[in-house]
All heavy atoms as atom14 arrays in JSON, in Angstrom:
{
  "sequence": "QALMDCQRNAILEPDRVLVVSKTWQERLRVEYGVDSSIVTNG",
  "atom14_mask": [
    [1, 1, 1, 1, 1, 1, 1, 1, 1, 0, 0, 0, 0, 0],
    [1, 1, 1, 1, 1, 0, 0, 0, 0, 0, 0, 0, 0, 0],
    [1, 1, 1, 1, 1, 1, 1, 1, 0, 0, 0, 0, 0, 0],
    [1, 1, 1, 1, 1, 1, 1, 1, 0, 0, 0, 0, 0, 0],
    [1, 1, 1, 1, 1, 1, 1, 1, 0, 0, 0, 0, 0, 0],
    [1, 1, 1, 1, 1, 1, 0, 0, 0, 0, 0, 0, 0, 0],
    [1, 1, 1, 1, 1, 1, 1, 1, 1, 0, 0, 0, 0, 0],
    [1, 1, 1, 1, 1, 1, 1, 1, 1, 1, 1, 0, 0, 0],
    [1, 1, 1, 1, 1, 1, 1, 1, 0, 0, 0, 0, 0, 0],
    [1, 1, 1, 1, 1, 0, 0, 0, 0, 0, 0, 0, 0, 0],
    [1, 1, 1, 1, 1, 1, 1, 1, 0, 0, 0, 0, 0, 0],
    [1, 1, 1, 1, 1, 1, 1, 1, 0, 0, 0, 0, 0, 0],
    [1, 1, 1, 1, 1, 1, 1, 1, 1, 0, 0, 0, 0, 0],
    [1, 1, 1, 1, 1, 1, 1, 0, 0, 0, 0, 0, 0, 0],
    [1, 1, 1, 1, 1, 1, 1, 1, 0, 0, 0, 0, 0, 0],
    [1, 1, 1, 1, 1, 1, 1, 1, 1, 1, 1, 0, 0, 0],
    [1, 1, 1, 1, 1, 1, 1, 0, 0, 0, 0, 0, 0, 0],
    [1, 1, 1, 1, 1, 1, 1, 1, 0, 0, 0, 0, 0, 0],
    [1, 1, 1, 1, 1, 1, 1, 0, 0, 0, 0, 0, 0, 0],
    [1, 1, 1, 1, 1, 1, 1, 0, 0, 0, 0, 0, 0, 0],
    [1, 1, 1, 1, 1, 1, 0, 0, 0, 0, 0, 0, 0, 0],
    [1, 1, 1, 1, 1, 1, 1, 1, 1, 0, 0, 0, 0, 0],
    [1, 1, 1, 1, 1, 1, 1, 0, 0, 0, 0, 0, 0, 0],
    [1, 1, 1, 1, 1, 1, 1, 1, 1, 1, 1, 1, 1, 1],
    [1, 1, 1, 1, 1, 1, 1, 1, 1, 0, 0, 0, 0, 0],
    [1, 1, 1, 1, 1, 1, 1, 1, 1, 0, 0, 0, 0, 0],
    [1, 1, 1, 1, 1, 1, 1, 1, 1, 1, 1, 0, 0, 0],
    [1, 1, 1, 1, 1, 1, 1, 1, 0, 0, 0, 0, 0, 0],
    [1, 1, 1, 1, 1, 1, 1, 1, 1, 1, 1, 0, 0, 0],
    [1, 1, 1, 1, 1, 1, 1, 0, 0, 0, 0, 0, 0, 0],
    [1, 1, 1, 1, 1, 1, 1, 1, 1, 0, 0, 0, 0, 0],
    [1, 1, 1, 1, 1, 1, 1, 1, 1, 1, 1, 1, 0, 0],
    [1, 1, 1, 1, 0, 0, 0, 0, 0, 0, 0, 0, 0, 0],
    [1, 1, 1, 1, 1, 1, 1, 0, 0, 0, 0, 0, 0, 0],
    [1, 1, 1, 1, 1, 1, 1, 1, 0, 0, 0, 0, 0, 0],
    [1, 1, 1, 1, 1, 1, 0, 0, 0, 0, 0, 0, 0, 0],
    [1, 1, 1, 1, 1, 1, 0, 0, 0, 0, 0, 0, 0, 0],
    [1, 1, 1, 1, 1, 1, 1, 1, 0, 0, 0, 0, 0, 0],
    [1, 1, 1, 1, 1, 1, 1, 0, 0, 0, 0, 0, 0, 0],
    [1, 1, 1, 1, 1, 1, 1, 0, 0, 0, 0, 0, 0, 0],
    [1, 1, 1, 1, 1, 1, 1, 1, 0, 0, 0, 0, 0, 0],
    [1, 1, 1, 1, 0, 0, 0, 0, 0, 0, 0, 0, 0, 0]
  ],
  "atom14_positions": [
    [[0.83, -1.21, 0.0], [0.01, 0.03, 0.0], [0.89, 1.27, 0.03], [0.52, 2.24, -0.6], [-0.92, 0.0, 1.21], [-2.01, 1.11, 1.17], [-2.96, 0.88, -0.01], [-3.43, -0.18, -0.3], [-3.13, 1.97, -0.78], [0.0, 0.0, 0.0], [0.0, 0.0, 0.0], [0.0, 0.0, 0.0], [0.0, 0.0, 0.0], [0.0, 0.0, 0.0]],
    [[2.0, 1.21, 0.72], [2.84, 2.34, 0.73], [3.37, 2.79, -0.6], [3.4, 3.97, -0.99], [3.98, 2.16, 1.72], [0.0, 0.0, 0.0], [0.0, 0.0, 0.0], [0.0, 0.0, 0.0], [0.0, 0.0, 0.0], [0.0, 0.0, 0.0], [0.0, 0.0, 0.0], [0.0, 0.0, 0.0], [0.0, 0.0, 0.0], [0.0, 0.0, 0.0]],
    [[3.79, 1.78, -1.37], [4.27, 2.1, -2.74], [3.15, 2.44, -3.66], [3.37, 3.35, -4.56], [5.06, 0.85, -3.28], [6.4, 0.57, -2.6], [7.02, -0.66, -3.24], [7.35, 1.79, -2.76], [0.0, 0.0, 0.0], [0.0, 0.0, 0.0], [0.0, 0.0, 0.0], [0.0, 0.0, 0.0], [0.0, 0.0, 0.0], [0.0, 0.0, 0.0]],
    [[1.99, 1.84, -3.53], [0.85, 2.23, -4.38], [0.45, 3.7, -4.07], [0.2, 4.46, -5.02], [-0.33, 1.3, -4.14], [-0.11, -0.09, -4.8], [-1.59, -1.19, -4.69], [-1.5, -1.62, -2.97], [0.0, 0.0, 0.0], [0.0, 0.0, 0.0], [0.0, 0.0, 0.0], [0.0, 0.0, 0.0], [0.0, 0.0, 0.0], [0.0, 0.0, 0.0]],
    [[0.42, 4.06, -2.83], [0.09, 5.44, -2.44], [1.16, 6.44, -2.96], [0.81, 7.51, -3.38], [0.01, 5.54, -0.88], [-1.22, 4.85, -0.38], [-2.13, 4.55, -1.16], [-1.24, 4.56, 0.85], [0.0, 0.0, 0.0], [0.0, 0.0, 0.0], [0.0, 0.0, 0.0], [0.0, 0.0, 0.0], [0.0, 0.0, 0.0], [0.0, 0.0, 0.0]],
    [[2.45, 5.98, -2.86], [3.51, 6.81, -3.35], [3.43, 7.09, -4.81], [3.58, 8.21, -5.3], [4.87, 6.15, -2.96], [6.31, 7.1, -3.52], [0.0, 0.0, 0.0], [0.0, 0.0, 0.0], [0.0, 0.0, 0.0], [0.0, 0.0, 0.0], [0.0, 0.0, 0.0], [0.0, 0.0, 0.0], [0.0, 0.0, 0.0], [0.0, 0.0, 0.0]],
    [[3.12, 6.05, -5.54], [2.95, 6.16, -7.07], [1.78, 7.03, -7.36], [1.83, 7.9, -8.31], [2.8, 4.77, -7.66], [2.63, 4.82, -9.15], [2.81, 3.48, -9.77], [3.73, 3.28, -10.51], [1.87, 2.54, -9.5], [0.0, 0.0, 0.0], [0.0, 0.0, 0.0], [0.0, 0.0, 0.0], [0.0, 0.0, 0.0], [0.0, 0.0, 0.0]],
    [[0.63, 6.93, -6.66], [-0.49, 7.72, -6.85], [-0.23, 9.18, -6.59], [-0.54, 10.05, -7.44], [-1.69, 7.22, -5.99], [-2.91, 8.18, -6.03], [-4.01, 7.51, -5.23], [-4.62, 6.39, -5.95], [-5.51, 6.38, -6.88], [-5.98, 7.53, -7.28], [-5.9, 5.25, -7.39], [0.0, 0.0, 0.0], [0.0, 0.0, 0.0], [0.0, 0.0, 0.0]],
    [[0.45, 9.51, -5.54], [0.81, 10.86, -5.21], [1.71, 11.49, -6.28], [1.63, 12.68, -6.57], [1.46, 10.92, -3.79], [0.44, 10.72, -2.73], [-0.74, 11.0, -2.88], [0.93, 10.18, -1.56], [0.0, 0.0, 0.0], [0.0, 0.0, 0.0], [0.0, 0.0, 0.0], [0.0, 0.0, 0.0], [0.0, 0.0, 0.0], [0.0, 0.0, 0.0]],
    [[2.61, 10.64, -6.79], [3.5, 11.13, -7.83], [2.84, 11.48, -9.14], [3.38, 12.17, -9.96], [4.63, 10.04, -8.08], [0.0, 0.0, 0.0], [0.0, 0.0, 0.0], [0.0, 0.0, 0.0], [0.0, 0.0, 0.0], [0.0, 0.0, 0.0], [0.0, 0.0, 0.0], [0.0, 0.0, 0.0], [0.0, 0.0, 0.0], [0.0, 0.0, 0.0]],
    [[1.61, 11.02, -9.24], [0.79, 11.38, -10.44], [-0.09, 12.48, -10.14], [-0.34, 13.35, -11.0], [-0.06, 10.14, -10.86], [0.86, 8.97, -11.37], [-1.05, 10.48, -11.93], [0.2, 7.68, -11.6], [0.0, 0.0, 0.0], [0.0, 0.0, 0.0], [0.0, 0.0, 0.0], [0.0, 0.0, 0.0], [0.0, 0.0, 0.0], [0.0, 0.0, 0.0]],
    [[-0.57, 12.65, -8.87], [-1.5, 13.68, -8.46], [-0.79, 14.96, -8.16], [-1.41, 16.09, -8.32], [-2.33, 13.27, -7.31], [-3.21, 12.02, -7.49], [-3.92, 11.62, -6.18], [-4.22, 12.21, -8.63], [0.0, 0.0, 0.0], [0.0, 0.0, 0.0], [0.0, 0.0, 0.0], [0.0, 0.0, 0.0], [0.0, 0.0, 0.0], [0.0, 0.0, 0.0]],
    [[0.39, 14.98, -7.7], [1.07, 16.17, -7.13], [1.65, 17.12, -8.13], [1.66, 18.37, -7.87], [2.16, 15.77, -6.16], [1.65, 15.15, -4.84], [2.72, 14.64, -3.97], [3.84, 14.34, -4.53], [2.5, 14.49, -2.74], [0.0, 0.0, 0.0], [0.0, 0.0, 0.0], [0.0, 0.0, 0.0], [0.0, 0.0, 0.0], [0.0, 0.0, 0.0]],
    [[2.13, 16.68, -9.35], [2.75, 17.62, -10.31], [1.73, 18.67, -10.78], [0.51, 18.53, -10.76], [3.14, 16.73, -11.42], [3.35, 15.41, -10.81], [2.32, 15.29, -9.75], [0.0, 0.0, 0.0], [0.0, 0.0, 0.0], [0.0, 0.0, 0.0], [0.0, 0.0, 0.0], [0.0, 0.0, 0.0], [0.0, 0.0, 0.0], [0.0, 0.0, 0.0]],
    [[2.35, 19.8, -11.21], [1.5, 20.91, -11.76], [1.04, 20.58, -13.12], [-0.05, 21.09, -13.58], [2.38, 22.23, -11.82], [2.83, 22.65, -10.44], [1.98, 22.85, -9.57], [4.03, 22.7, -10.19], [0.0, 0.0, 0.0], [0.0, 0.0, 0.0], [0.0, 0.0, 0.0], [0.0, 0.0, 0.0], [0.0, 0.0, 0.0], [0.0, 0.0, 0.0]],
    [[1.75, 19.82, -13.9], [1.32, 19.38, -15.19], [1.81, 18.01, -15.4], [2.96, 17.66, -15.15], [1.87, 20.3, -16.25], [1.47, 19.97, -17.73], [-0.04, 20.13, -17.94], [-0.43, 21.5, -17.76], [-0.51, 22.39, -18.75], [-0.06, 22.1, -19.97], [-0.9, 23.67, -18.42], [0.0, 0.0, 0.0], [0.0, 0.0, 0.0], [0.0, 0.0, 0.0]],
    [[0.94, 17.13, -15.97], [1.31, 15.75, -16.29], [1.32, 15.46, -17.74], [0.38, 15.83, -18.44], [0.34, 14.7, -15.57], [0.63, 13.29, -15.95], [0.36, 14.85, -14.0], [0.0, 0.0, 0.0], [0.0, 0.0, 0.0], [0.0, 0.0, 0.0], [0.0, 0.0, 0.0], [0.0, 0.0, 0.0], [0.0, 0.0, 0.0], [0.0, 0.0, 0.0]],
    [[2.38, 14.8, -18.18], [2.5, 14.43, -19.65], [2.53, 12.91, -19.66], [2.89, 12.17, -18.76], [3.79, 14.98, -20.22], [4.15, 16.45, -19.98], [5.45, 16.78, -20.72], [2.94, 17.34, -20.5], [0.0, 0.0, 0.0], [0.0, 0.0, 0.0], [0.0, 0.0, 0.0], [0.0, 0.0, 0.0], [0.0, 0.0, 0.0], [0.0, 0.0, 0.0]],
    [[2.18, 12.36, -20.81], [2.25, 10.92, -21.11], [2.78, 10.82, -22.53], [2.85, 11.83, -23.31], [0.92, 10.24, -21.06], [0.39, 10.1, -19.59], [-0.18, 10.89, -21.9], [0.0, 0.0, 0.0], [0.0, 0.0, 0.0], [0.0, 0.0, 0.0], [0.0, 0.0, 0.0], [0.0, 0.0, 0.0], [0.0, 0.0, 0.0], [0.0, 0.0, 0.0]],
    [[3.2, 9.62, -22.9], [3.78, 9.46, -24.28], [2.88, 8.73, -25.21], [3.25, 8.49, -26.34], [5.17, 8.73, -24.17], [6.18, 9.58, -23.41], [5.05, 7.41, -23.5], [0.0, 0.0, 0.0], [0.0, 0.0, 0.0], [0.0, 0.0, 0.0], [0.0, 0.0, 0.0], [0.0, 0.0, 0.0], [0.0, 0.0, 0.0], [0.0, 0.0, 0.0]],
    [[1.71, 8.38, -24.75], [0.73, 7.65, -25.64], [-0.68, 7.87, -25.26], [-1.01, 8.24, -24.08], [1.04, 6.13, -25.57], [0.82, 5.57, -24.29], [0.0, 0.0, 0.0], [0.0, 0.0, 0.0], [0.0, 0.0, 0.0], [0.0, 0.0, 0.0], [0.0, 0.0, 0.0], [0.0, 0.0, 0.0], [0.0, 0.0, 0.0], [0.0, 0.0, 0.0]],
    [[-1.61, 7.66, -26.17], [-3.05, 7.78, -25.9], [-3.48, 6.77, -24.85], [-4.41, 6.99, -24.05], [-3.85, 7.61, -27.21], [-3.65, 8.67, -28.22], [-4.37, 8.37, -29.54], [-4.11, 9.41, -30.57], [-4.84, 9.06, -31.87], [0.0, 0.0, 0.0], [0.0, 0.0, 0.0], [0.0, 0.0, 0.0], [0.0, 0.0, 0.0], [0.0, 0.0, 0.0]],
    [[-2.87, 5.58, -24.95], [-3.23, 4.49, -24.0], [-3.09, 4.98, -22.57], [-3.96, 4.74, -21.73], [-2.29, 3.24, -24.29], [-2.54, 2.79, -25.6], [-2.65, 2.13, -23.28], [0.0, 0.0, 0.0], [0.0, 0.0, 0.0], [0.0, 0.0, 0.0], [0.0, 0.0, 0.0], [0.0, 0.0, 0.0], [0.0, 0.0, 0.0], [0.0, 0.0, 0.0]],
    [[-1.94, 5.58, -22.24], [-1.68, 5.97, -20.89], [-2.41, 7.23, -20.53], [-2.78, 7.51, -19.39], [-0.19, 6.13, -20.59], [0.42, 4.74, -20.47], [1.15, 4.06, -21.41], [0.29, 3.87, -19.35], [1.43, 2.82, -20.92], [0.93, 2.64, -19.67], [-0.33, 3.94, -18.18], [1.06, 1.62, -18.83], [-0.25, 2.93, -17.24], [0.41, 1.72, -17.63]],
    [[-2.75, 8.06, -21.5], [-3.56, 9.23, -21.18], [-4.92, 8.79, -20.8], [-5.48, 9.34, -19.8], [-3.71, 10.07, -22.48], [-4.5, 11.34, -22.34], [-4.73, 12.08, -23.57], [-5.13, 11.53, -24.64], [-4.38, 13.39, -23.62], [0.0, 0.0, 0.0], [0.0, 0.0, 0.0], [0.0, 0.0, 0.0], [0.0, 0.0, 0.0], [0.0, 0.0, 0.0]],
    [[-5.47, 7.82, -21.4], [-6.82, 7.27, -21.0], [-6.79, 6.61, -19.67], [-7.68, 6.79, -18.86], [-7.37, 6.38, -22.13], [-8.69, 5.73, -21.8], [-9.84, 6.79, -21.73], [-9.61, 7.92, -22.1], [-10.98, 6.44, -21.29], [0.0, 0.0, 0.0], [0.0, 0.0, 0.0], [0.0, 0.0, 0.0], [0.0, 0.0, 0.0], [0.0, 0.0, 0.0]],
    [[-5.69, 5.82, -19.41], [-5.62, 5.19, -18.12], [-5.48, 6.15, -16.98], [-6.14, 5.98, -15.9], [-4.42, 4.2, -18.1], [-4.67, 2.91, -18.92], [-3.68, 1.81, -18.56], [-3.68, 1.47, -17.19], [-2.89, 0.54, -16.62], [-2.11, -0.13, -17.41], [-2.96, 0.26, -15.37], [0.0, 0.0, 0.0], [0.0, 0.0, 0.0], [0.0, 0.0, 0.0]],
    [[-4.71, 7.17, -17.09], [-4.61, 8.16, -16.05], [-5.9, 8.9, -15.82], [-6.31, 9.21, -14.65], [-3.58, 9.21, -16.36], [-2.06, 8.74, -16.38], [-1.15, 9.93, -16.39], [-1.74, 7.83, -15.26], [0.0, 0.0, 0.0], [0.0, 0.0, 0.0], [0.0, 0.0, 0.0], [0.0, 0.0, 0.0], [0.0, 0.0, 0.0], [0.0, 0.0, 0.0]],
    [[-6.7, 9.18, -16.89], [-7.94, 9.85, -16.7], [-8.94, 8.92, -16.01], [-9.65, 9.39, -15.0], [-8.53, 10.2, -18.06], [-9.82, 11.0, -18.06], [-10.47, 11.18, -19.41], [-10.9, 9.87, -19.94], [-12.06, 9.31, -19.52], [-12.9, 9.87, -18.68], [-12.44, 8.12, -20.06], [0.0, 0.0, 0.0], [0.0, 0.0, 0.0], [0.0, 0.0, 0.0]],
    [[-8.97, 7.6, -16.35], [-9.94, 6.71, -15.76], [-9.58, 6.29, -14.32], [-10.38, 6.28, -13.41], [-10.08, 5.46, -16.64], [-10.97, 4.38, -15.95], [-10.73, 5.84, -17.94], [0.0, 0.0, 0.0], [0.0, 0.0, 0.0], [0.0, 0.0, 0.0], [0.0, 0.0, 0.0], [0.0, 0.0, 0.0], [0.0, 0.0, 0.0], [0.0, 0.0, 0.0]],
    [[-8.29, 5.96, -14.19], [-7.78, 5.37, -12.88], [-7.42, 6.37, -11.83], [-7.5, 6.09, -10.65], [-6.64, 4.37, -13.18], [-7.03, 3.23, -14.03], [-5.84, 2.3, -14.33], [-4.79, 2.43, -13.66], [-5.96, 1.54, -15.32], [0.0, 0.0, 0.0], [0.0, 0.0, 0.0], [0.0, 0.0, 0.0], [0.0, 0.0, 0.0], [0.0, 0.0, 0.0]],
    [[-7.03, 7.62, -12.26], [-6.54, 8.61, -11.33], [-7.28, 9.92, -11.43], [-7.03, 10.8, -10.63], [-5.02, 8.84, -11.56], [-4.2, 7.67, -11.28], [-3.88, 6.69, -12.28], [-3.66, 7.43, -10.02], [-3.13, 5.61, -12.08], [-2.86, 6.28, -9.75], [-2.64, 5.39, -10.79], [-1.84, 4.31, -10.52], [0.0, 0.0, 0.0], [0.0, 0.0, 0.0]],
    [[-8.15, 10.09, -12.44], [-8.88, 11.34, -12.62], [-7.93, 12.49, -12.94], [-8.26, 13.63, -12.72], [0.0, 0.0, 0.0], [0.0, 0.0, 0.0], [0.0, 0.0, 0.0], [0.0, 0.0, 0.0], [0.0, 0.0, 0.0], [0.0, 0.0, 0.0], [0.0, 0.0, 0.0], [0.0, 0.0, 0.0], [0.0, 0.0, 0.0], [0.0, 0.0, 0.0]],
    [[-6.87, 12.16, -13.66], [-5.86, 13.18, -14.03], [-5.9, 13.41, -15.61], [-5.81, 12.46, -16.35], [-4.44, 12.72, -13.65], [-3.37, 13.59, -14.25], [-4.28, 12.73, -12.08], [0.0, 0.0, 0.0], [0.0, 0.0, 0.0], [0.0, 0.0, 0.0], [0.0, 0.0, 0.0], [0.0, 0.0, 0.0], [0.0, 0.0, 0.0], [0.0, 0.0, 0.0]],
    [[-5.98, 14.65, -15.93], [-5.89, 15.01, -17.35], [-4.4, 15.25, -17.74], [-3.68, 15.86, -16.96], [-6.65, 16.3, -17.66], [-8.15, 16.09, -17.54], [-8.62, 15.01, -17.89], [-8.85, 17.07, -17.11], [0.0, 0.0, 0.0], [0.0, 0.0, 0.0], [0.0, 0.0, 0.0], [0.0, 0.0, 0.0], [0.0, 0.0, 0.0], [0.0, 0.0, 0.0]],
    [[-3.99, 14.69, -18.81], [-2.59, 14.76, -19.24], [-2.45, 15.17, -20.66], [-3.43, 15.02, -21.44], [-1.89, 13.42, -19.03], [-2.54, 12.42, -19.66], [0.0, 0.0, 0.0], [0.0, 0.0, 0.0], [0.0, 0.0, 0.0], [0.0, 0.0, 0.0], [0.0, 0.0, 0.0], [0.0, 0.0, 0.0], [0.0, 0.0, 0.0], [0.0, 0.0, 0.0]],
    [[-1.28, 15.62, -21.05], [-0.98, 15.97, -22.48], [-0.05, 14.91, -23.06], [0.83, 14.43, -22.37], [-0.29, 17.34, -22.5], [-1.09, 18.37, -21.88], [0.0, 0.0, 0.0], [0.0, 0.0, 0.0], [0.0, 0.0, 0.0], [0.0, 0.0, 0.0], [0.0, 0.0, 0.0], [0.0, 0.0, 0.0], [0.0, 0.0, 0.0], [0.0, 0.0, 0.0]],
    [[-0.3, 14.6, -24.3], [0.52, 13.57, -24.94], [1.73, 14.26, -25.62], [1.55, 15.21, -26.44], [-0.33, 12.78, -26.1], [-1.45, 12.05, -25.42], [0.6, 11.82, -26.83], [-2.37, 11.36, -26.44], [0.0, 0.0, 0.0], [0.0, 0.0, 0.0], [0.0, 0.0, 0.0], [0.0, 0.0, 0.0], [0.0, 0.0, 0.0], [0.0, 0.0, 0.0]],
    [[2.91, 13.78, -25.28], [4.14, 14.2, -26.03], [4.88, 12.92, -26.35], [5.43, 12.25, -25.46], [5.04, 15.07, -25.17], [6.25, 15.5, -25.96], [4.27, 16.33, -24.7], [0.0, 0.0, 0.0], [0.0, 0.0, 0.0], [0.0, 0.0, 0.0], [0.0, 0.0, 0.0], [0.0, 0.0, 0.0], [0.0, 0.0, 0.0], [0.0, 0.0, 0.0]],
    [[4.96, 12.53, -27.61], [5.42, 11.24, -28.03], [6.97, 11.22, -27.84], [7.65, 12.26, -27.8], [5.08, 10.94, -29.45], [5.55, 12.0, -30.34], [3.59, 10.86, -29.64], [0.0, 0.0, 0.0], [0.0, 0.0, 0.0], [0.0, 0.0, 0.0], [0.0, 0.0, 0.0], [0.0, 0.0, 0.0], [0.0, 0.0, 0.0], [0.0, 0.0, 0.0]],
    [[7.42, 10.0, -27.79], [8.89, 9.78, -27.74], [9.55, 10.12, -29.05], [8.92, 10.2, -30.11], [9.18, 8.34, -27.37], [9.59, 8.14, -26.0], [10.45, 8.84, -25.45], [9.03, 7.14, -25.29], [0.0, 0.0, 0.0], [0.0, 0.0, 0.0], [0.0, 0.0, 0.0], [0.0, 0.0, 0.0], [0.0, 0.0, 0.0], [0.0, 0.0, 0.0]],
    [[10.85, 10.22, -29.01], [11.65, 10.49, -30.22], [12.75, 9.49, -30.42], [12.97, 8.62, -29.57], [0.0, 0.0, 0.0], [0.0, 0.0, 0.0], [0.0, 0.0, 0.0], [0.0, 0.0, 0.0], [0.0, 0.0, 0.0], [0.0, 0.0, 0.0], [0.0, 0.0, 0.0], [0.0, 0.0, 0.0], [0.0, 0.0, 0.0], [0.0, 0.0, 0.0]]
  ]
}
């Protein structure tokens, strides 16, 4: 639980959250209620 809470806070606490794919953008929205911007890898 401690690590799950730590990971959740690391997603909720930043001022802006980015992801590298649509898949993870949707997962963060559904599982954490976090809106994110997609910036793909290079």
